Each structure stands twice: as structure tokens, then as C-alpha cells.
Amino acid sequence: MKRGFGILMHVASLPGDYGIGGFGDCYRFLDFLADAGAKYWQVLPLSPTGFGNSPYQSPAAGMLNPYFISLEELRAEGLLTEEELRGARTQDKRIDYGWLYRTRYPLLRKAYSRFRHTPAFCAYVSRGAAGDYALFMALKEKHGGAPFDRWEEKYRFADPAALDAFVAENGRELAFWHFLQYVAARQWKKVRSYAAEKGIAVIGDLPLYVAYDSADVWKNPHLFKLDEERKPVKVAGVPPDYFSAEGQLWGNPVYDYAAHEKENFAWWAQRAARALKTCDFVRIDHFRGLDRYFEIPAGGTAAEGRWEAVPHAALFRAIAEKCDISRFIAEDLGILDEGVYALRERLGVAGMSVLSFAFNGDPNNPYLPEKLGRNTVCYTGTHDNDTLMGLLAAMSAEEKARFIAGLKESLRKMKLRCFTTDDALVVSAVTEAGFACKADAFILPLQDAAFLGTEYRMNEPSTDKAENWSVRFERNRIRPVLAARLKKLAEKYRR
């Protein structure tokens, strides 16, 4: 990666008029990034959201979220009317996923009813990229939105004859779901082209696991640890760490790597290649799970889990045959061991460092900015952290004093002069340390760039809070004065 900086901003959180950020809102944000001198834009997974509205729990990994489809572009194509768009506008300050579900799909169905099947669309359908997704979603509609383990038996077990009959009888419904992916892919391609014109690389996100109620598990049950009823036997999570004292129970089914190895990891290789086709770089979420992963008995607690090995040499050899591994970024946070570091070094992929974790008084803390070298992506925080302003506000007097003392020591070692007399100045000092460090890329969540508090936190792990994943930014948070300040720092530190 080239030396530069970027902003972490999920598409869903972009300012817009239709209840959730979308691809049509990306252009204004890319203009802001260009004005700020940024080289990178990092997003969260672009896939459809499922249970809990998390982009890490998708009904179809590798597909695009239909909520991101620009309604304005559909209007320009004559597929929606201005009156219909007026009914879709809202001034809600947070994303209301329930309202979106009730209103957006009927509107998209109207758009599809006016869409003519062009040769380009027919070719897209024939390629089959969205085939499993379309079939899964059409069957989900037939069963009232129920998860696949509650479907009629012939569909739950994907009986070939039953599926063939369903496809023959429900061609228009399947075409609708293909239409959503066709339009979303076409719009995202335009966004990517615009970003490239602005000299901005997009960093995507590849969740380690897929959701249980997903097309991926339903059509490939042999690749996961499921029982004869296709229920998970083992599920994913992590033992206690700094995010959760009790550990985390994610609930995703874990992979049956013996089955994957028999197929030369074809599913994984295809998934990785698709991710790198969608974005310029891709962050692998929970990278440590590709060295050893933590599996928990279904119905158990994280305390009952255990570590299992991954045949990573063969896995990444298969992936390397399909795509350029150097474009991956390893989210190497959490409980690590030498195996994780050795794997990352062998692959040559960049790792991550988070400044929110740096200033705890430990002089050997690996996240300290003066310790960071190249082939690293430095962050002030991630989507799972509180904002820096929120973090400081929640600290005790003793914790804050220790944080500021550690920060001052780093600034001294880096020969930086920054003031730390109030929380905003502390955030400015942490930001400057990130710009100044030797990491190839420095990524700021917009929350930290704009000095926003805990009400703008994206996600609190191990909770099901309604606020999770619902953050939206007002247009006045993305201002020319902020771009000018960031550009000044980028120029000062040659980013």
C-alpha cells in the first residue's frame, strides 16, 4: 500500500435523503475525500444485512445490499417517479431498518415492474453470479421470511427436483432478486470508477464467517459443521478479551475444513476473488481465525469453547491461484499467538494497529505509534470501538491520566508538539500521532476525524442494542473545514 490516509465510513452511514446511505450518496463523499487529500476509503461489508442488521450477518455473502441502490438513479432511468421518491424520503437521524424493510422492497418491486429485460441483464442472469441468492430469497419470501431450517423439508434440504419445479413456477420472482443485484452491481461499478478518477482506493471488508441463515450455508451444508437436520453442531465466537470479559458467542456455523480441503478450497478461493473484484483492498475480519479458530458447542457458552487448527497453507495456496493476496489486510487483533504473526508474515499481508488500545501505560504495548513500521494499517479505532471522544468521556480520572501520560510520552519520542488540555485536543494529538507514524496507511473513522461522541458509535460487540449499525451522519459533519484540516496534516506528514 502507498503511504496515505483514509476515512472509515460505511455506505449505510452516508448522509442522504432516503433513510440509509446509498451508492448515489458516495460521490459527494468521494469529493470530500479528494479535497482532504485522502488516498483511501474504507467501508464495512457491502452485503445485505440479516438478523440484528449487522453487515457481518448476511443472508448472502458477496452480494450487495439492495438498500444501497440509488433511488435517484432509478428515477433517472424512468423506473420510479418523483412522487414515489417523495414518499421514500425521511429525516430520521438513525437508520430505521424496520421502516426500510416495510417500504423499500415494495418500491424496488415497482421499479422492477417497469424494467425491460435487456440483453445485458439476461447475460448477467445467465452468468449465475446471483443465482443462489435469488433462489434463496425467493424461497424465503415463499416461507414468510422464515429461516431456512423452518422451510418445507424438500426446500430445506434443497431437493433438486423441488428446486427445479420452484424455479419453473417462480421465474418472475427470481428475476426480481437478480434485478436487485444487477442494478446494485452496475451502480457500485460507477462509484468505483469515480473513486479511481479521484485517486482513491476502496478498502472493503471480508467477514471471516457467514450467517447460518444464508444462501451460503443452505446450498453448501457439507462445508459447515452441521448435523443431519442441518443444524449447527459447533458455532463461532472468541474467548474473553478486551471487548468482552465473558467472551463472545457469535453463533455463526464454523467451517468443516476437511470438506473444504477435499474441494481444494474452491468456495473460499471464489469468495476471496469476488471480494477483491468488488474493492481495491480487502480487510479480512478476525484474521486470527484463519490460523486457529475458536469453536463452541451449539447451545453452549464461550467458556466451553476450544481452539482448532486451520490448514492455512493449503487454503491460501488455493486463494493465491485466484487472486493477489498482497491486497488483503489482516485484522490481527484479539487474542493472538506466534502462529498468527507467522502466518501474516509468510503471506506478506499488512496488519492492523489501533491507537485506542495504545496508551495504557505499558511501554511494550505493540500499538504505540512510535513502534509501528511499514506493512501496517494504523487506526484510531474500528467499528467495534467507542469513538475517541466517547472513550475519553467514559474514563475515570485515573484512566484518563494514564492515557494522556502515555500519549505525551509517544509524542515526545516522535518529536511532536501537541496539546492535551481537553478531550478534543487529546483526540487531535492521537490523530496527529497516527498521521506521523510509519505505517503505510492511517485510517480515521469519521467519528474521530469530526470529534464526535459515543452517540455515534457504530457497534458495541456482544450486545443487541438497537443503536448498533444504525449510525447516520448529518451533511454538516462532512464540511470543507474538516477536509482542509485533514489535508494540512496529510501534506505535513507526506500522506
Protein backbone atom coordinates (compact mmCIF):
# COMPACT_ATOMS: atom_id res chain seq x y z
CA MET A 1 0.00 0.00 0.00
CA LYS A 2 1.14 3.54 -0.72
CA ARG A 3 1.73 5.86 2.20
CA GLY A 4 -1.52 7.73 2.70
CA PHE A 5 -4.52 8.21 4.90
CA GLY A 6 -8.19 7.47 4.59
CA ILE A 7 -11.56 7.58 6.29
CA LEU A 8 -13.59 4.67 7.61
CA MET A 9 -17.19 5.34 6.60
CA HIS A 10 -19.83 2.68 5.99
CA VAL A 11 -22.02 3.32 2.94
CA ALA A 12 -25.11 2.93 5.15
CA SER A 13 -23.99 5.88 7.31
CA LEU A 14 -23.52 8.37 4.48
CA PRO A 15 -25.74 11.46 4.60
CA GLY A 16 -28.74 11.11 2.32
CA ASP A 17 -32.48 11.63 1.96
CA TYR A 18 -33.80 8.06 1.91
CA GLY A 19 -33.30 6.65 5.39
CA ILE A 20 -29.94 4.99 4.72
CA GLY A 21 -26.81 5.94 2.82
CA GLY A 22 -26.62 4.55 -0.69
CA PHE A 23 -24.47 4.39 -3.77
CA GLY A 24 -25.87 7.67 -5.02
CA ASP A 25 -24.53 9.37 -1.87
CA CYS A 26 -20.98 8.12 -2.43
CA TYR A 27 -20.00 10.76 -4.97
CA ARG A 28 -20.27 13.73 -2.60
CA PHE A 29 -18.27 11.81 0.00
CA LEU A 30 -15.58 10.92 -2.55
CA ASP A 31 -15.34 14.62 -3.43
CA PHE A 32 -14.78 15.32 0.28
CA LEU A 33 -12.05 12.67 0.45
CA ALA A 34 -10.33 14.10 -2.61
CA ASP A 35 -10.47 17.60 -1.14
CA ALA A 36 -8.94 16.21 2.07
CA GLY A 37 -6.06 14.62 0.16
CA ALA A 38 -7.12 11.11 1.18
CA LYS A 39 -5.92 8.05 -0.72
CA TYR A 40 -8.24 5.50 0.90
CA TRP A 41 -11.90 4.99 1.71
CA GLN A 42 -12.64 2.04 3.97
CA VAL A 43 -16.15 0.58 4.09
CA LEU A 44 -17.82 -2.15 6.13
CA PRO A 45 -19.19 -5.23 4.30
CA LEU A 46 -21.46 -4.16 1.43
CA SER A 47 -23.59 -7.28 1.67
CA PRO A 48 -27.29 -7.43 2.58
CA THR A 49 -27.95 -7.32 6.30
CA GLY A 50 -29.72 -10.04 8.19
CA PHE A 51 -30.51 -10.68 11.84
CA GLY A 52 -29.60 -7.73 14.06
CA ASN A 53 -28.96 -5.54 10.99
CA SER A 54 -25.28 -6.41 11.11
CA PRO A 55 -23.33 -6.39 7.83
CA TYR A 56 -21.40 -9.30 9.36
CA GLN A 57 -24.57 -11.44 9.42
CA SER A 58 -25.62 -11.51 5.79
CA PRO A 59 -28.11 -13.80 4.02
CA ALA A 60 -25.74 -13.87 1.05
CA ALA A 61 -22.01 -13.22 1.37
CA GLY A 62 -20.61 -11.49 -1.69
CA MET A 63 -23.90 -9.93 -2.78
CA LEU A 64 -24.66 -6.20 -2.47
CA ASN A 65 -27.19 -4.63 -0.13
CA PRO A 66 -30.36 -3.68 -2.08
CA TYR A 67 -30.89 -0.80 0.37
CA PHE A 68 -27.81 0.84 -1.19
CA ILE A 69 -29.42 1.09 -4.62
CA SER A 70 -29.75 4.75 -5.59
CA LEU A 71 -33.43 5.60 -5.97
CA GLU A 72 -32.45 8.78 -7.79
CA GLU A 73 -30.73 6.73 -10.48
CA LEU A 74 -33.81 4.53 -10.81
CA ARG A 75 -35.91 7.68 -11.27
CA ALA A 76 -33.49 8.95 -13.92
CA GLU A 77 -33.97 5.65 -15.78
CA GLY A 78 -37.74 6.05 -15.68
CA LEU A 79 -38.23 3.20 -13.23
CA LEU A 80 -39.55 5.37 -10.38
CA THR A 81 -41.47 8.65 -10.26
CA GLU A 82 -40.70 11.80 -8.32
CA GLU A 83 -43.88 11.28 -6.31
CA GLU A 84 -42.69 7.80 -5.31
CA LEU A 85 -39.34 9.22 -4.26
CA ARG A 86 -41.03 11.82 -2.08
CA GLY A 87 -42.72 9.02 -0.17
CA ALA A 88 -39.35 7.35 0.43
CA ARG A 89 -37.66 10.41 1.91
CA THR A 90 -37.16 10.73 5.65
CA GLN A 91 -35.29 12.96 8.07
CA ASP A 92 -34.69 10.19 10.62
CA LYS A 93 -31.36 10.70 12.36
CA ARG A 94 -30.71 6.96 12.65
CA ILE A 95 -31.32 4.07 10.27
CA ASP A 96 -34.72 2.50 10.93
CA TYR A 97 -34.31 -0.97 9.43
CA GLY A 98 -37.90 -1.96 10.20
CA TRP A 99 -39.23 1.01 8.22
CA LEU A 100 -36.79 0.26 5.39
CA TYR A 101 -37.93 -3.35 5.18
CA ARG A 102 -41.58 -2.32 5.04
CA THR A 103 -41.15 0.43 2.46
CA ARG A 104 -38.06 -0.15 0.34
CA TYR A 105 -38.77 -3.55 -1.15
CA PRO A 106 -42.27 -2.59 -2.36
CA LEU A 107 -40.68 0.44 -4.03
CA LEU A 108 -37.98 -1.68 -5.66
CA ARG A 109 -40.66 -4.07 -6.88
CA LYS A 110 -42.38 -1.12 -8.57
CA ALA A 111 -39.10 -0.25 -10.26
CA TYR A 112 -38.70 -3.82 -11.44
CA SER A 113 -42.25 -3.88 -12.83
CA ARG A 114 -41.18 -1.12 -15.25
CA PHE A 115 -37.81 -2.65 -16.12
CA ARG A 116 -37.30 -4.25 -19.52
CA HIS A 117 -35.11 -7.35 -19.67
CA THR A 118 -32.19 -6.03 -21.70
CA PRO A 119 -29.54 -8.29 -23.27
CA ALA A 120 -27.09 -7.09 -20.61
CA PHE A 121 -29.46 -8.14 -17.84
CA CYS A 122 -30.15 -11.51 -19.45
CA ALA A 123 -26.41 -12.11 -19.77
CA TYR A 124 -25.95 -11.22 -16.10
CA VAL A 125 -28.61 -13.74 -15.07
CA SER A 126 -27.07 -16.41 -17.31
CA ARG A 127 -23.66 -15.98 -15.67
CA GLY A 128 -25.25 -17.15 -12.42
CA ALA A 129 -23.40 -14.82 -10.08
CA ALA A 130 -26.59 -14.13 -8.12
CA GLY A 131 -28.32 -17.45 -8.75
CA ASP A 132 -28.11 -18.91 -5.24
CA TYR A 133 -29.04 -15.55 -3.72
CA ALA A 134 -32.10 -15.15 -5.95
CA LEU A 135 -33.31 -18.68 -5.25
CA PHE A 136 -32.71 -18.37 -1.51
CA MET A 137 -34.52 -15.03 -1.23
CA ALA A 138 -37.44 -16.20 -3.35
CA LEU A 139 -37.84 -19.26 -1.14
CA LYS A 140 -37.54 -17.08 1.93
CA GLU A 141 -40.40 -14.93 0.61
CA LYS A 142 -42.48 -18.07 -0.01
CA HIS A 143 -41.98 -19.06 3.63
CA GLY A 144 -42.85 -15.64 5.05
CA GLY A 145 -39.26 -14.65 5.76
CA ALA A 146 -38.60 -17.68 7.99
CA PRO A 147 -35.04 -19.01 8.29
CA PHE A 148 -34.31 -21.93 6.02
CA ASP A 149 -34.37 -24.50 8.83
CA ARG A 150 -38.13 -23.82 9.12
CA TRP A 151 -38.91 -24.29 5.42
CA GLU A 152 -40.77 -27.22 3.92
CA GLU A 153 -38.49 -30.22 4.09
CA LYS A 154 -37.99 -30.51 0.32
CA TYR A 155 -36.77 -26.91 0.19
CA ARG A 156 -34.86 -27.01 3.48
CA PHE A 157 -32.80 -29.90 2.14
CA ALA A 158 -32.55 -28.31 -1.33
CA ASP A 159 -34.08 -31.29 -3.14
CA PRO A 160 -33.03 -30.81 -6.81
CA ALA A 161 -36.40 -31.78 -8.29
CA ALA A 162 -38.26 -29.50 -5.90
CA LEU A 163 -35.93 -26.60 -6.68
CA ASP A 164 -36.26 -27.13 -10.44
CA ALA A 165 -40.04 -27.05 -10.12
CA PHE A 166 -39.91 -23.94 -7.96
CA VAL A 167 -37.68 -22.13 -10.47
CA ALA A 168 -40.03 -23.06 -13.33
CA GLU A 169 -43.05 -21.75 -11.45
CA ASN A 170 -41.49 -18.57 -9.99
CA GLY A 171 -39.38 -17.14 -12.78
CA ARG A 172 -40.52 -13.56 -12.28
CA GLU A 173 -39.84 -13.62 -8.54
CA LEU A 174 -36.32 -14.92 -9.11
CA ALA A 175 -35.79 -12.31 -11.82
CA PHE A 176 -36.68 -9.59 -9.30
CA TRP A 177 -33.88 -10.68 -6.97
CA HIS A 178 -31.48 -10.89 -9.92
CA PHE A 179 -32.57 -7.37 -10.88
CA LEU A 180 -31.60 -6.01 -7.45
CA GLN A 181 -28.08 -7.40 -7.73
CA TYR A 182 -27.73 -6.36 -11.36
CA VAL A 183 -28.66 -2.75 -10.58
CA ALA A 184 -26.59 -2.63 -7.38
CA ALA A 185 -23.50 -4.05 -9.14
CA ARG A 186 -23.87 -1.58 -12.01
CA GLN A 187 -24.18 1.37 -9.60
CA TRP A 188 -21.26 0.25 -7.43
CA LYS A 189 -19.08 -0.13 -10.53
CA LYS A 190 -19.76 3.53 -11.34
CA VAL A 191 -18.82 4.54 -7.79
CA ARG A 192 -15.57 2.58 -8.06
CA SER A 193 -14.74 4.29 -11.35
CA TYR A 194 -15.37 7.71 -9.82
CA ALA A 195 -13.16 6.84 -6.84
CA ALA A 196 -10.37 5.76 -9.20
CA GLU A 197 -10.65 9.07 -11.08
CA LYS A 198 -10.17 10.83 -7.74
CA GLY A 199 -7.13 8.70 -6.90
CA ILE A 200 -8.92 6.95 -4.02
CA ALA A 201 -8.64 3.21 -3.37
CA VAL A 202 -11.58 1.48 -1.71
CA ILE A 203 -10.82 -0.87 1.18
CA GLY A 204 -13.53 -3.48 1.60
CA ASP A 205 -14.24 -5.95 4.39
CA LEU A 206 -14.46 -9.75 4.24
CA PRO A 207 -16.17 -11.27 7.28
CA LEU A 208 -14.46 -14.48 8.35
CA TYR A 209 -17.76 -16.31 8.82
CA VAL A 210 -21.12 -16.33 7.08
CA ALA A 211 -24.53 -16.30 8.75
CA TYR A 212 -26.30 -19.59 9.42
CA ASP A 213 -29.50 -18.42 7.71
CA SER A 214 -27.78 -17.71 4.42
CA ALA A 215 -27.66 -18.92 0.86
CA ASP A 216 -24.05 -19.93 1.52
CA VAL A 217 -24.91 -22.43 4.26
CA TRP A 218 -28.18 -23.58 2.71
CA LYS A 219 -26.60 -24.52 -0.64
CA ASN A 220 -23.28 -25.78 0.81
CA PRO A 221 -24.19 -27.58 4.05
CA HIS A 222 -21.32 -30.05 3.68
CA LEU A 223 -18.80 -27.20 4.10
CA PHE A 224 -20.00 -26.42 7.63
CA LYS A 225 -20.22 -28.37 10.87
CA LEU A 226 -23.93 -29.20 10.78
CA ASP A 227 -25.91 -32.23 11.93
CA GLU A 228 -28.23 -34.37 9.80
CA GLU A 229 -31.04 -31.84 10.31
CA ARG A 230 -28.68 -29.13 9.05
CA LYS A 231 -28.46 -27.50 12.46
CA PRO A 232 -25.07 -26.21 13.67
CA VAL A 233 -23.05 -28.60 15.80
CA LYS A 234 -20.34 -26.03 16.50
CA VAL A 235 -20.57 -22.25 16.31
CA ALA A 236 -18.07 -19.42 16.20
CA GLY A 237 -17.01 -17.00 18.90
CA VAL A 238 -13.99 -15.86 20.86
CA PRO A 239 -12.82 -16.39 24.42
CA PRO A 240 -12.76 -13.43 26.84
CA ASP A 241 -10.81 -10.43 25.53
CA TYR A 242 -10.78 -6.64 25.81
CA PHE A 243 -14.15 -6.41 24.03
CA SER A 244 -15.95 -8.83 26.34
CA ALA A 245 -15.00 -10.29 29.72
CA GLU A 246 -17.27 -13.31 29.13
CA GLY A 247 -16.09 -13.94 25.59
CA GLN A 248 -18.27 -13.56 22.53
CA LEU A 249 -20.78 -16.06 21.15
CA TRP A 250 -21.31 -15.08 17.51
CA GLY A 251 -23.43 -18.10 16.58
CA ASN A 252 -22.14 -18.48 13.02
CA PRO A 253 -21.59 -22.09 11.94
CA VAL A 254 -17.90 -22.93 11.72
CA TYR A 255 -16.27 -24.40 8.63
CA ASP A 256 -15.62 -28.08 8.12
CA TYR A 257 -12.12 -27.59 6.79
CA ALA A 258 -11.69 -31.27 5.95
CA ALA A 259 -14.58 -30.93 3.49
CA HIS A 260 -13.14 -27.68 2.10
CA GLU A 261 -9.76 -29.33 1.60
CA LYS A 262 -11.32 -32.15 -0.44
CA GLU A 263 -12.56 -29.48 -2.86
CA ASN A 264 -9.24 -27.60 -2.86
CA PHE A 265 -10.91 -24.73 -1.01
CA ALA A 266 -12.82 -23.73 -4.14
CA TRP A 267 -15.57 -21.99 -2.16
CA TRP A 268 -13.04 -19.91 -0.22
CA ALA A 269 -10.99 -19.05 -3.31
CA GLN A 270 -14.07 -17.90 -5.21
CA ARG A 271 -15.22 -15.81 -2.24
CA ALA A 272 -11.82 -14.12 -1.86
CA ALA A 273 -11.57 -13.38 -5.58
CA ARG A 274 -15.06 -11.88 -5.60
CA ALA A 275 -14.16 -9.63 -2.65
CA LEU A 276 -11.07 -8.29 -4.43
CA LYS A 277 -13.10 -7.70 -7.56
CA THR A 278 -15.51 -5.56 -5.51
CA CYS A 279 -12.83 -3.41 -3.83
CA ASP A 280 -9.18 -2.45 -4.31
CA PHE A 281 -8.03 -3.82 -0.95
CA VAL A 282 -9.89 -6.08 1.48
CA ARG A 283 -9.62 -6.31 5.23
CA ILE A 284 -10.04 -9.91 6.43
CA ASP A 285 -12.11 -9.67 9.58
CA HIS A 286 -10.86 -11.81 12.50
CA PHE A 287 -7.80 -12.93 10.55
CA ARG A 288 -6.55 -14.93 13.52
CA GLY A 289 -9.37 -17.39 12.80
CA LEU A 290 -7.51 -18.47 9.66
CA ASP A 291 -4.61 -19.77 11.76
CA ARG A 292 -6.65 -21.30 14.57
CA TYR A 293 -10.32 -20.70 15.22
CA PHE A 294 -12.41 -20.90 18.38
CA GLU A 295 -15.41 -23.21 18.20
CA ILE A 296 -18.16 -23.51 20.78
CA PRO A 297 -20.70 -26.34 21.12
CA ALA A 298 -24.06 -25.19 19.76
CA GLY A 299 -26.17 -24.08 22.72
CA GLY A 300 -23.09 -23.67 24.92
CA THR A 301 -21.15 -20.68 26.21
CA ALA A 302 -17.81 -19.24 25.15
CA ALA A 303 -16.28 -20.77 28.28
CA GLU A 304 -16.94 -24.22 26.75
CA GLY A 305 -15.13 -23.44 23.50
CA ARG A 306 -11.78 -24.66 22.27
CA TRP A 307 -9.21 -23.78 19.65
CA GLU A 308 -8.95 -25.78 16.41
CA ALA A 309 -6.28 -25.61 13.70
CA VAL A 310 -6.88 -24.42 10.13
CA PRO A 311 -4.98 -25.99 7.17
CA HIS A 312 -3.96 -22.46 6.20
CA ALA A 313 -1.03 -23.34 3.94
CA ALA A 314 -3.31 -25.23 1.54
CA LEU A 315 -6.11 -22.67 2.00
CA PHE A 316 -4.02 -19.67 0.99
CA ARG A 317 -2.29 -21.60 -1.78
CA ALA A 318 -5.72 -22.14 -3.33
CA ILE A 319 -6.69 -18.49 -2.80
CA ALA A 320 -3.41 -17.30 -4.33
CA GLU A 321 -4.27 -19.16 -7.54
CA LYS A 322 -7.35 -16.95 -7.92
CA CYS A 323 -6.28 -13.52 -6.67
CA ASP A 324 -3.49 -11.26 -5.41
CA ILE A 325 -3.08 -11.98 -1.70
CA SER A 326 -0.96 -8.85 -1.19
CA ARG A 327 -4.16 -6.78 -1.48
CA PHE A 328 -5.50 -8.23 1.77
CA ILE A 329 -5.24 -6.55 5.17
CA ALA A 330 -5.21 -8.81 8.21
CA GLU A 331 -7.36 -7.73 11.12
CA ASP A 332 -4.86 -9.25 13.54
CA LEU A 333 -6.48 -8.04 16.75
CA GLY A 334 -7.73 -10.01 19.73
CA ILE A 335 -6.04 -13.00 21.37
CA LEU A 336 -3.00 -13.64 19.22
CA ASP A 337 -0.09 -16.06 19.29
CA GLU A 338 3.02 -16.66 17.26
CA GLY A 339 1.10 -18.70 14.72
CA VAL A 340 -0.94 -15.66 13.68
CA TYR A 341 2.11 -13.45 13.31
CA ALA A 342 3.97 -16.15 11.39
CA LEU A 343 1.04 -16.65 9.01
CA ARG A 344 0.72 -12.93 8.34
CA GLU A 345 4.44 -12.59 7.72
CA ARG A 346 4.52 -15.61 5.42
CA LEU A 347 1.66 -14.18 3.37
CA GLY A 348 3.17 -10.70 3.34
CA VAL A 349 -0.16 -9.02 4.14
CA ALA A 350 -0.47 -5.81 6.13
CA GLY A 351 -1.59 -5.99 9.74
CA MET A 352 -3.59 -3.56 11.87
CA SER A 353 -2.80 -1.37 14.85
CA VAL A 354 -5.37 0.57 16.89
CA LEU A 355 -4.32 3.69 18.78
CA SER A 356 -7.32 3.46 21.13
CA PHE A 357 -5.53 0.48 22.68
CA ALA A 358 -2.05 2.05 22.74
CA PHE A 359 -1.85 4.30 25.76
CA ASN A 360 -2.39 2.02 28.76
CA GLY A 361 0.92 2.74 30.47
CA ASP A 362 2.68 -0.35 29.08
CA PRO A 363 5.92 0.74 27.37
CA ASN A 364 5.91 -2.53 25.41
CA ASN A 365 2.40 -2.05 24.03
CA PRO A 366 2.69 -3.05 20.33
CA TYR A 367 0.10 -0.44 19.29
CA LEU A 368 2.19 2.55 20.38
CA PRO A 369 2.56 4.81 17.32
CA GLU A 370 6.34 5.12 17.62
CA LYS A 371 6.63 1.32 17.38
CA LEU A 372 4.69 0.93 14.15
CA GLY A 373 6.50 0.02 10.97
CA ARG A 374 5.53 -0.36 7.36
CA ASN A 375 3.14 -3.01 6.08
CA THR A 376 0.74 -1.85 8.79
CA VAL A 377 -2.57 -0.02 8.70
CA CYS A 378 -2.94 2.24 11.72
CA TYR A 379 -6.39 3.21 13.04
CA THR A 380 -7.60 5.45 15.82
CA GLY A 381 -10.41 2.92 16.28
CA THR A 382 -12.59 0.44 14.42
CA HIS A 383 -16.34 -0.06 14.01
CA ASP A 384 -16.31 -2.04 17.27
CA ASN A 385 -14.67 0.69 19.36
CA ASP A 386 -16.25 3.65 21.03
CA THR A 387 -15.26 6.94 19.45
CA LEU A 388 -12.18 8.60 20.93
CA MET A 389 -14.34 11.35 22.41
CA GLY A 390 -16.69 8.73 23.87
CA LEU A 391 -13.78 6.68 25.19
CA LEU A 392 -12.26 9.68 26.97
CA ALA A 393 -15.62 10.77 28.42
CA ALA A 394 -16.16 7.31 29.94
CA MET A 395 -12.70 7.09 31.57
CA SER A 396 -12.12 7.55 35.27
CA ALA A 397 -9.75 10.34 36.27
CA GLU A 398 -7.02 7.73 36.83
CA GLU A 399 -7.58 6.06 33.44
CA LYS A 400 -7.55 9.36 31.61
CA ALA A 401 -4.37 10.49 33.36
CA ARG A 402 -2.66 7.23 32.36
CA PHE A 403 -3.90 7.55 28.77
CA ILE A 404 -2.69 11.14 28.44
CA ALA A 405 0.66 10.36 30.10
CA GLY A 406 1.23 7.52 27.61
CA LEU A 407 0.20 9.73 24.72
CA LYS A 408 2.57 12.51 25.82
CA GLU A 409 5.43 10.01 26.03
CA SER A 410 4.72 8.82 22.49
CA LEU A 411 4.55 12.41 21.26
CA ARG A 412 7.90 13.11 22.91
CA LYS A 413 9.53 10.10 21.28
CA MET A 414 8.08 11.07 17.91
CA LYS A 415 9.21 14.69 18.40
CA LEU A 416 5.69 16.01 18.01
CA ARG A 417 4.32 19.07 19.78
CA CYS A 418 0.63 18.63 20.57
CA PHE A 419 -1.57 19.97 23.34
CA THR A 420 -3.67 17.68 25.54
CA THR A 421 -5.50 20.10 27.83
CA ASP A 422 -9.03 18.96 26.90
CA ASP A 423 -10.62 15.94 25.23
CA ALA A 424 -10.78 17.49 21.76
CA LEU A 425 -7.08 18.34 21.92
CA VAL A 426 -6.29 14.80 23.09
CA VAL A 427 -8.15 13.46 20.06
CA SER A 428 -6.21 15.89 17.85
CA ALA A 429 -2.95 14.66 19.37
CA VAL A 430 -3.83 10.98 18.81
CA THR A 431 -4.78 11.83 15.23
CA GLU A 432 -1.50 13.64 14.61
CA ALA A 433 0.44 10.68 16.00
CA GLY A 434 -1.39 8.47 13.52
CA PHE A 435 -0.56 10.75 10.61
CA ALA A 436 3.08 10.92 11.70
CA CYS A 437 3.70 7.21 12.30
CA LYS A 438 5.49 4.98 9.82
CA ALA A 439 2.51 2.75 9.00
CA ASP A 440 1.76 2.66 5.28
CA ALA A 441 -1.85 3.71 5.78
CA PHE A 442 -3.58 5.65 8.54
CA ILE A 443 -7.37 5.27 8.75
CA LEU A 444 -9.65 7.53 10.75
CA PRO A 445 -13.28 6.68 11.42
CA LEU A 446 -15.20 9.82 10.51
CA GLN A 447 -16.38 9.89 14.13
CA ASP A 448 -12.83 10.62 15.29
CA ALA A 449 -11.99 12.97 12.44
CA ALA A 450 -15.06 15.07 13.37
CA PHE A 451 -14.68 14.81 17.20
CA LEU A 452 -17.99 13.01 17.68
CA GLY A 453 -19.12 11.36 20.90
CA THR A 454 -20.33 7.92 21.89
CA GLU A 455 -23.77 8.50 20.35
CA TYR A 456 -22.01 7.96 17.00
CA ARG A 457 -20.52 4.62 17.98
CA MET A 458 -21.17 2.08 15.23
CA ASN A 459 -21.34 -1.15 17.23
CA GLU A 460 -20.89 -2.48 20.73
CA PRO A 461 -19.80 -6.13 20.46
CA SER A 462 -21.70 -8.83 22.34
CA THR A 463 -24.80 -6.63 22.62
CA ASP A 464 -28.05 -6.48 20.67
CA LYS A 465 -28.61 -2.77 21.21
CA ALA A 466 -31.00 -1.15 18.77
CA GLU A 467 -28.39 1.57 18.19
CA ASN A 468 -25.89 -0.90 16.73
CA TRP A 469 -25.30 -0.40 12.98
CA SER A 470 -27.81 2.46 12.81
CA VAL A 471 -25.43 5.46 12.79
CA ARG A 472 -26.07 8.14 10.18
CA PHE A 473 -24.11 11.32 9.66
CA GLU A 474 -25.59 14.72 9.02
CA ARG A 475 -24.31 16.59 5.99
CA ASN A 476 -22.82 19.31 8.16
CA ARG A 477 -20.43 16.74 9.69
CA ILE A 478 -18.61 16.43 6.36
CA ARG A 479 -17.52 20.01 5.80
CA PRO A 480 -14.84 21.80 3.78
CA VAL A 481 -13.20 22.99 7.00
CA LEU A 482 -12.68 19.35 8.05
CA ALA A 483 -11.28 18.47 4.63
CA ALA A 484 -8.87 21.41 4.87
CA ARG A 485 -7.64 20.33 8.32
CA LEU A 486 -7.06 16.76 7.17
CA LYS A 487 -5.30 17.89 4.01
CA LYS A 488 -2.95 20.04 6.04
CA LEU A 489 -2.00 17.02 8.16
CA ALA A 490 -1.65 14.80 5.08
CA GLU A 491 0.74 17.27 3.47
CA LYS A 492 2.70 17.79 6.69
CA TYR A 493 3.32 14.08 7.12
CA ARG A 494 3.55 13.20 3.43
CA ARG A 495 0.42 11.14 3.35
